Every structure is written in structure tokens, then in C-alpha cells.
């Protein structure tokens, strides 16, 4: 959750192990609260990516979070 009130600009981006951007899932304003975003395992061009380790980067206001995730297809 991102604390605060009102709209926040939110950006959620997937990166590979080499730091290359794979896909931006969200780049929009959201009201504060809990939201769910699902990644279908595809890159920005719609191609399936390989199973492996990826990083998810969330930017919302002053908050910057990066988490590691494993994609199994």
C-alpha cells in the first residue's frame, strides 16, 4: 500500500536480470489504497518472455520499491 490521500502518479515496470526494461504495466494516476495488477508474462511487444527471475519496480509519489520475482511459464 502507498500511504497518502488523493491521486498519486503510479508507475509499475518489469525489468530483467540485466536491468533491461521488459514492460511497463502501469503508468497512470491512482487513488490511494490497495490495487491489484497482474502480469501475463509478456514484454511490451506482446511476446512471451522466458521463465526466470525478474524485478518489479513501483514508483508512487516519493515511494520507490523494487522486488524480485520468479516467473514460471
PDB file of N, CA and C in Angstrom:
ATOM      1  N   UNK A   1       0.832  -1.186   0.000  1.00  0.00           N
ATOM      2  CA  UNK A   1       0.000   0.000   0.000  1.00  0.00           C
ATOM      3  C   UNK A   1       0.875   1.247   0.000  1.00  0.00           C
ATOM      4  N   UNK A   2       0.406   2.249  -0.677  1.00  0.00           N
ATOM      5  CA  UNK A   2       1.088   3.537  -0.681  1.00  0.00           C
ATOM      6  C   UNK A   2       0.250   4.488   0.132  1.00  0.00           C
ATOM      7  N   UNK A   3       0.828   4.999   1.221  1.00  0.00           N
ATOM      8  CA  UNK A   3       0.071   5.870   2.121  1.00  0.00           C
ATOM      9  C   UNK A   3      -0.155   7.231   1.479  1.00  0.00           C
ATOM     10  N   UNK A   4      -1.204   7.895   1.927  1.00  0.00           N
ATOM     11  CA  UNK A   4      -1.496   9.229   1.437  1.00  0.00           C
ATOM     12  C   UNK A   4      -2.942   9.328   1.010  1.00  0.00           C
ATOM     13  N   UNK A   5      -3.322  10.507   0.557  1.00  0.00           N
ATOM     14  CA  UNK A   5      -4.690  10.691   0.105  1.00  0.00           C
ATOM     15  C   UNK A   5      -4.661  11.361  -1.255  1.00  0.00           C
ATOM     16  N   UNK A   6      -5.772  11.267  -1.972  1.00  0.00           N
ATOM     17  CA  UNK A   6      -5.847  11.868  -3.291  1.00  0.00           C
ATOM     18  C   UNK A   6      -5.170  10.998  -4.333  1.00  0.00           C
ATOM     19  N   UNK A   7      -5.000  11.562  -5.512  1.00  0.00           N
ATOM     20  CA  UNK A   7      -4.379  10.834  -6.610  1.00  0.00           C
ATOM     21  C   UNK A   7      -2.860  10.847  -6.499  1.00  0.00           C
ATOM     22  N   UNK A   8      -2.264   9.721  -6.857  1.00  0.00           N
ATOM     23  CA  UNK A   8      -0.808   9.599  -6.929  1.00  0.00           C
ATOM     24  C   UNK A   8      -0.460   9.072  -8.309  1.00  0.00           C
ATOM     25  N   UNK A   9       0.572   9.604  -8.905  1.00  0.00           N
ATOM     26  CA  UNK A   9       1.076   9.053 -10.163  1.00  0.00           C
ATOM     27  C   UNK A   9       1.801   7.763  -9.814  1.00  0.00           C
ATOM     28  N   UNK A  10       1.430   6.672 -10.457  1.00  0.00           N
ATOM     29  CA  UNK A  10       1.986   5.356 -10.159  1.00  0.00           C
ATOM     30  C   UNK A  10       2.599   4.789 -11.430  1.00  0.00           C
ATOM     31  N   UNK A  11       3.801   4.248 -11.289  1.00  0.00           N
ATOM     32  CA  UNK A  11       4.461   3.576 -12.410  1.00  0.00           C
ATOM     33  C   UNK A  11       4.950   2.224 -11.907  1.00  0.00           C
ATOM     34  N   UNK A  12       4.600   1.171 -12.627  1.00  0.00           N
ATOM     35  CA  UNK A  12       4.992  -0.186 -12.272  1.00  0.00           C
ATOM     36  C   UNK A  12       5.653  -0.803 -13.498  1.00  0.00           C
ATOM     37  N   UNK A  13       6.942  -1.129 -13.364  1.00  0.00           N
ATOM     38  CA  UNK A  13       7.736  -1.577 -14.505  1.00  0.00           C
ATOM     39  C   UNK A  13       8.444  -2.888 -14.176  1.00  0.00           C
ATOM     40  N   UNK A  14       8.526  -3.770 -15.173  1.00  0.00           N
ATOM     41  CA  UNK A  14       9.215  -5.048 -15.050  1.00  0.00           C
ATOM     42  C   UNK A  14      10.566  -4.951 -15.747  1.00  0.00           C
ATOM     43  N   UNK A  15      11.619  -5.466 -15.083  1.00  0.00           N
ATOM     44  CA  UNK A  15      12.979  -5.472 -15.634  1.00  0.00           C
ATOM     45  C   UNK A  15      13.537  -6.886 -15.584  1.00  0.00           C
ATOM     46  N   UNK A  16      14.466  -7.187 -16.492  1.00  0.00           N
ATOM     47  CA  UNK A  16      15.150  -8.483 -16.436  1.00  0.00           C
ATOM     48  C   UNK A  16      16.376  -8.379 -15.532  1.00  0.00           C
ATOM     49  N   UNK A  17      17.121  -9.473 -15.412  1.00  0.00           N
ATOM     50  CA  UNK A  17      18.296  -9.500 -14.524  1.00  0.00           C
ATOM     51  C   UNK A  17      19.389  -8.530 -14.928  1.00  0.00           C
ATOM     52  N   UNK A  18      19.430  -8.164 -16.214  1.00  0.00           N
ATOM     53  CA  UNK A  18      20.442  -7.224 -16.695  1.00  0.00           C
ATOM     54  C   UNK A  18      19.987  -5.774 -16.581  1.00  0.00           C
ATOM     55  N   UNK A  19      18.785  -5.565 -16.042  1.00  0.00           N
ATOM     56  CA  UNK A  19      18.280  -4.210 -15.860  1.00  0.00           C
ATOM     57  C   UNK A  19      17.576  -3.645 -17.083  1.00  0.00           C
ATOM     58  N   UNK A  20      17.337  -4.480 -18.090  1.00  0.00           N
ATOM     59  CA  UNK A  20      16.624  -4.019 -19.283  1.00  0.00           C
ATOM     60  C   UNK A  20      15.131  -3.994 -19.001  1.00  0.00           C
ATOM     61  N   UNK A  21      14.496  -2.907 -19.411  1.00  0.00           N
ATOM     62  CA  UNK A  21      13.057  -2.789 -19.205  1.00  0.00           C
ATOM     63  C   UNK A  21      12.337  -3.787 -20.105  1.00  0.00           C
ATOM     64  N   UNK A  22      11.457  -4.574 -19.507  1.00  0.00           N
ATOM     65  CA  UNK A  22      10.678  -5.570 -20.232  1.00  0.00           C
ATOM     66  C   UNK A  22       9.306  -5.013 -20.590  1.00  0.00           C
ATOM     67  N   UNK A  23       8.662  -4.404 -19.606  1.00  0.00           N
ATOM     68  CA  UNK A  23       7.318  -3.880 -19.850  1.00  0.00           C
ATOM     69  C   UNK A  23       6.907  -2.932 -18.734  1.00  0.00           C
ATOM     70  N   UNK A  24       6.190  -1.888 -19.086  1.00  0.00           N
ATOM     71  CA  UNK A  24       5.557  -1.020 -18.099  1.00  0.00           C
ATOM     72  C   UNK A  24       4.108  -1.458 -17.972  1.00  0.00           C
ATOM     73  N   UNK A  25       3.734  -1.916 -16.792  1.00  0.00           N
ATOM     74  CA  UNK A  25       2.379  -2.405 -16.560  1.00  0.00           C
ATOM     75  C   UNK A  25       1.414  -1.287 -16.204  1.00  0.00           C
ATOM     76  N   UNK A  26       1.898  -0.287 -15.487  1.00  0.00           N
ATOM     77  CA  UNK A  26       1.056   0.827 -15.044  1.00  0.00           C
ATOM     78  C   UNK A  26       1.843   2.113 -15.193  1.00  0.00           C
ATOM     79  N   UNK A  27       1.190   3.130 -15.722  1.00  0.00           N
ATOM     80  CA  UNK A  27       1.753   4.476 -15.758  1.00  0.00           C
ATOM     81  C   UNK A  27       0.555   5.426 -15.777  1.00  0.00           C
ATOM     82  N   UNK A  28      -0.064   5.600 -14.605  1.00  0.00           N
ATOM     83  CA  UNK A  28      -1.308   6.358 -14.505  1.00  0.00           C
ATOM     84  C   UNK A  28      -1.501   6.862 -13.080  1.00  0.00           C
ATOM     85  N   UNK A  29      -2.499   7.700 -12.903  1.00  0.00           N
ATOM     86  CA  UNK A  29      -2.844   8.193 -11.568  1.00  0.00           C
ATOM     87  C   UNK A  29      -3.839   7.246 -10.910  1.00  0.00           C
ATOM     88  N   UNK A  30      -3.612   6.980  -9.631  1.00  0.00           N
ATOM     89  CA  UNK A  30      -4.485   6.106  -8.841  1.00  0.00           C
ATOM     90  C   UNK A  30      -4.830   6.792  -7.537  1.00  0.00           C
ATOM     91  N   UNK A  31      -6.014   6.513  -7.029  1.00  0.00           N
ATOM     92  CA  UNK A  31      -6.363   6.938  -5.685  1.00  0.00           C
ATOM     93  C   UNK A  31      -5.575   6.090  -4.697  1.00  0.00           C
ATOM     94  N   UNK A  32      -5.276   6.652  -3.543  1.00  0.00           N
ATOM     95  CA  UNK A  32      -4.572   5.900  -2.504  1.00  0.00           C
ATOM     96  C   UNK A  32      -5.393   4.677  -2.130  1.00  0.00           C
ATOM     97  N   UNK A  33      -4.717   3.579  -1.831  1.00  0.00           N
ATOM     98  CA  UNK A  33      -5.403   2.364  -1.441  1.00  0.00           C
ATOM     99  C   UNK A  33      -4.735   1.146  -2.030  1.00  0.00           C
ATOM    100  N   UNK A  34      -5.420   0.043  -1.964  1.00  0.00           N
ATOM    101  CA  UNK A  34      -4.882  -1.229  -2.435  1.00  0.00           C
ATOM    102  C   UNK A  34      -5.377  -1.491  -3.858  1.00  0.00           C
ATOM    103  N   UNK A  35      -4.455  -1.889  -4.734  1.00  0.00           N
ATOM    104  CA  UNK A  35      -4.782  -2.181  -6.122  1.00  0.00           C
ATOM    105  C   UNK A  35      -4.074  -3.465  -6.532  1.00  0.00           C
ATOM    106  N   UNK A  36      -4.636  -4.165  -7.493  1.00  0.00           N
ATOM    107  CA  UNK A  36      -4.048  -5.413  -7.979  1.00  0.00           C
ATOM    108  C   UNK A  36      -3.715  -5.250  -9.456  1.00  0.00           C
ATOM    109  N   UNK A  37      -2.483  -5.649  -9.813  1.00  0.00           N
ATOM    110  CA  UNK A  37      -2.049  -5.639 -11.208  1.00  0.00           C
ATOM    111  C   UNK A  37      -1.471  -7.011 -11.496  1.00  0.00           C
ATOM    112  N   UNK A  38      -1.858  -7.598 -12.601  1.00  0.00           N
ATOM    113  CA  UNK A  38      -1.337  -8.911 -12.984  1.00  0.00           C
ATOM    114  C   UNK A  38      -0.504  -8.768 -14.246  1.00  0.00           C
ATOM    115  N   UNK A  39       0.630  -9.475 -14.251  1.00  0.00           N
ATOM    116  CA  UNK A  39       1.498  -9.510 -15.428  1.00  0.00           C
ATOM    117  C   UNK A  39       1.289 -10.846 -16.115  1.00  0.00           C
ATOM    118  N   UNK A  40       1.038 -10.810 -17.399  1.00  0.00           N
ATOM    119  CA  UNK A  40       0.772 -12.022 -18.160  1.00  0.00           C
ATOM    120  C   UNK A  40       2.033 -12.686 -18.713  1.00  0.00           C
ATOM    121  N   UNK A  41       3.212 -12.208 -18.305  1.00  0.00           N
ATOM    122  CA  UNK A  41       4.462 -12.816 -18.756  1.00  0.00           C
ATOM    123  C   UNK A  41       4.870 -12.401 -20.158  1.00  0.00           C
ATOM    124  N   UNK A  42       4.336 -11.280 -20.619  1.00  0.00           N
ATOM    125  CA  UNK A  42       4.667 -10.790 -21.963  1.00  0.00           C
ATOM    126  C   UNK A  42       5.436  -9.476 -21.873  1.00  0.00           C
ATOM    127  N   UNK A  43       6.252  -9.231 -22.901  1.00  0.00           N
ATOM    128  CA  UNK A  43       7.000  -7.971 -22.961  1.00  0.00           C
ATOM    129  C   UNK A  43       6.112  -6.884 -23.562  1.00  0.00           C
ATOM    130  N   UNK A  44       6.693  -5.718 -23.770  1.00  0.00           N
ATOM    131  CA  UNK A  44       5.948  -4.587 -24.303  1.00  0.00           C
ATOM    132  C   UNK A  44       5.444  -4.787 -25.718  1.00  0.00           C
ATOM    133  N   UNK A  45       6.003  -5.756 -26.438  1.00  0.00           N
ATOM    134  CA  UNK A  45       5.574  -6.044 -27.817  1.00  0.00           C
ATOM    135  C   UNK A  45       4.580  -7.199 -27.885  1.00  0.00           C
ATOM    136  N   UNK A  46       4.239  -7.768 -26.721  1.00  0.00           N
ATOM    137  CA  UNK A  46       3.278  -8.852 -26.686  1.00  0.00           C
ATOM    138  C   UNK A  46       3.881 -10.240 -26.780  1.00  0.00           C
ATOM    139  N   UNK A  47       5.217 -10.333 -26.803  1.00  0.00           N
ATOM    140  CA  UNK A  47       5.893 -11.628 -26.877  1.00  0.00           C
ATOM    141  C   UNK A  47       6.066 -12.213 -25.484  1.00  0.00           C
ATOM    142  N   UNK A  48       5.894 -13.534 -25.363  1.00  0.00           N
ATOM    143  CA  UNK A  48       6.142 -14.196 -24.086  1.00  0.00           C
ATOM    144  C   UNK A  48       7.634 -14.118 -23.750  1.00  0.00           C
ATOM    145  N   UNK A  49       7.922 -13.869 -22.487  1.00  0.00           N
ATOM    146  CA  UNK A  49       9.319 -13.857 -22.038  1.00  0.00           C
ATOM    147  C   UNK A  49       9.626 -15.208 -21.402  1.00  0.00           C
ATOM    148  N   UNK A  50      10.892 -15.506 -21.263  1.00  0.00           N
ATOM    149  CA  UNK A  50      11.323 -16.782 -20.704  1.00  0.00           C
ATOM    150  C   UNK A  50      11.060 -16.837 -19.202  1.00  0.00           C
ATOM    151  N   UNK A  51      10.868 -18.052 -18.708  1.00  0.00           N
ATOM    152  CA  UNK A  51      10.797 -18.250 -17.263  1.00  0.00           C
ATOM    153  C   UNK A  51      12.112 -17.793 -16.654  1.00  0.00           C
ATOM    154  N   UNK A  52      12.057 -17.239 -15.458  1.00  0.00           N
ATOM    155  CA  UNK A  52      13.277 -16.793 -14.804  1.00  0.00           C
ATOM    156  C   UNK A  52      13.001 -15.737 -13.765  1.00  0.00           C
ATOM    157  N   UNK A  53      14.056 -15.060 -13.344  1.00  0.00           N
ATOM    158  CA  UNK A  53      13.982 -14.026 -12.312  1.00  0.00           C
ATOM    159  C   UNK A  53      13.836 -12.662 -12.978  1.00  0.00           C
ATOM    160  N   UNK A  54      12.907 -11.886 -12.469  1.00  0.00           N
ATOM    161  CA  UNK A  54      12.658 -10.524 -12.955  1.00  0.00           C
ATOM    162  C   UNK A  54      12.523  -9.602 -11.753  1.00  0.00           C
ATOM    163  N   UNK A  55      12.602  -8.317 -12.011  1.00  0.00           N
ATOM    164  CA  UNK A  55      12.423  -7.314 -10.969  1.00  0.00           C
ATOM    165  C   UNK A  55      11.225  -6.449 -11.307  1.00  0.00           C
ATOM    166  N   UNK A  56      10.456  -6.135 -10.281  1.00  0.00           N
ATOM    167  CA  UNK A  56       9.276  -5.291 -10.400  1.00  0.00           C
ATOM    168  C   UNK A  56       9.589  -3.992  -9.652  1.00  0.00           C
ATOM    169  N   UNK A  57       9.457  -2.856 -10.319  1.00  0.00           N
ATOM    170  CA  UNK A  57       9.775  -1.556  -9.723  1.00  0.00           C
ATOM    171  C   UNK A  57       8.500  -0.727  -9.633  1.00  0.00           C
ATOM    172  N   UNK A  58       8.142  -0.318  -8.410  1.00  0.00           N
ATOM    173  CA  UNK A  58       6.983   0.526  -8.167  1.00  0.00           C
ATOM    174  C   UNK A  58       7.450   1.919  -7.794  1.00  0.00           C
ATOM    175  N   UNK A  59       6.913   2.921  -8.479  1.00  0.00           N
ATOM    176  CA  UNK A  59       7.175   4.323  -8.146  1.00  0.00           C
ATOM    177  C   UNK A  59       5.820   4.991  -7.943  1.00  0.00           C
ATOM    178  N   UNK A  60       5.617   5.564  -6.759  1.00  0.00           N
ATOM    179  CA  UNK A  60       4.363   6.253  -6.446  1.00  0.00           C
ATOM    180  C   UNK A  60       4.679   7.409  -5.512  1.00  0.00           C
ATOM    181  N   UNK A  61       4.568   8.617  -6.005  1.00  0.00           N
ATOM    182  CA  UNK A  61       4.949   9.778  -5.205  1.00  0.00           C
ATOM    183  C   UNK A  61       6.416   9.668  -4.833  1.00  0.00           C
ATOM    184  N   UNK A  62       6.718   9.729  -3.549  1.00  0.00           N
ATOM    185  CA  UNK A  62       8.108   9.628  -3.094  1.00  0.00           C
ATOM    186  C   UNK A  62       8.525   8.184  -2.807  1.00  0.00           C
ATOM    187  N   UNK A  63       7.618   7.244  -2.985  1.00  0.00           N
ATOM    188  CA  UNK A  63       7.897   5.837  -2.694  1.00  0.00           C
ATOM    189  C   UNK A  63       8.545   5.172  -3.896  1.00  0.00           C
ATOM    190  N   UNK A  64       9.640   4.436  -3.654  1.00  0.00           N
ATOM    191  CA  UNK A  64      10.334   3.658  -4.680  1.00  0.00           C
ATOM    192  C   UNK A  64      10.593   2.276  -4.093  1.00  0.00           C
ATOM    193  N   UNK A  65       9.974   1.242  -4.669  1.00  0.00           N
ATOM    194  CA  UNK A  65      10.155  -0.122  -4.191  1.00  0.00           C
ATOM    195  C   UNK A  65      10.571  -1.018  -5.348  1.00  0.00           C
ATOM    196  N   UNK A  66      11.524  -1.888  -5.105  1.00  0.00           N
ATOM    197  CA  UNK A  66      11.926  -2.883  -6.094  1.00  0.00           C
ATOM    198  C   UNK A  66      11.861  -4.247  -5.422  1.00  0.00           C
ATOM    199  N   UNK A  67      11.207  -5.184  -6.101  1.00  0.00           N
ATOM    200  CA  UNK A  67      11.072  -6.544  -5.577  1.00  0.00           C
ATOM    201  C   UNK A  67      11.481  -7.544  -6.647  1.00  0.00           C
ATOM    202  N   UNK A  68      12.081  -8.635  -6.209  1.00  0.00           N
ATOM    203  CA  UNK A  68      12.461  -9.728  -7.107  1.00  0.00           C
ATOM    204  C   UNK A  68      11.288 -10.693  -7.202  1.00  0.00           C
ATOM    205  N   UNK A  69      11.089 -11.246  -8.388  1.00  0.00           N
ATOM    206  CA  UNK A  69      10.025 -12.229  -8.567  1.00  0.00           C
ATOM    207  C   UNK A  69      10.492 -13.293  -9.550  1.00  0.00           C
ATOM    208  N   UNK A  70       9.872 -14.453  -9.460  1.00  0.00           N
ATOM    209  CA  UNK A  70      10.193 -15.561 -10.344  1.00  0.00           C
ATOM    210  C   UNK A  70       8.984 -15.829 -11.231  1.00  0.00           C
ATOM    211  N   UNK A  71       9.220 -15.864 -12.532  1.00  0.00           N
ATOM    212  CA  UNK A  71       8.173 -16.166 -13.498  1.00  0.00           C
ATOM    213  C   UNK A  71       8.355 -17.610 -13.955  1.00  0.00           C
ATOM    214  N   UNK A  72       7.323 -18.413 -13.793  1.00  0.00           N
ATOM    215  CA  UNK A  72       7.327 -19.795 -14.257  1.00  0.00           C
ATOM    216  C   UNK A  72       6.248 -19.947 -15.295  1.00  0.00           C
ATOM    217  N   UNK A  73       6.643 -20.339 -16.508  1.00  0.00           N
ATOM    218  CA  UNK A  73       5.651 -20.499 -17.585  1.00  0.00           C
ATOM    219  C   UNK A  73       5.684 -21.914 -18.095  1.00  0.00           C
TER     220      UNK A  73
END
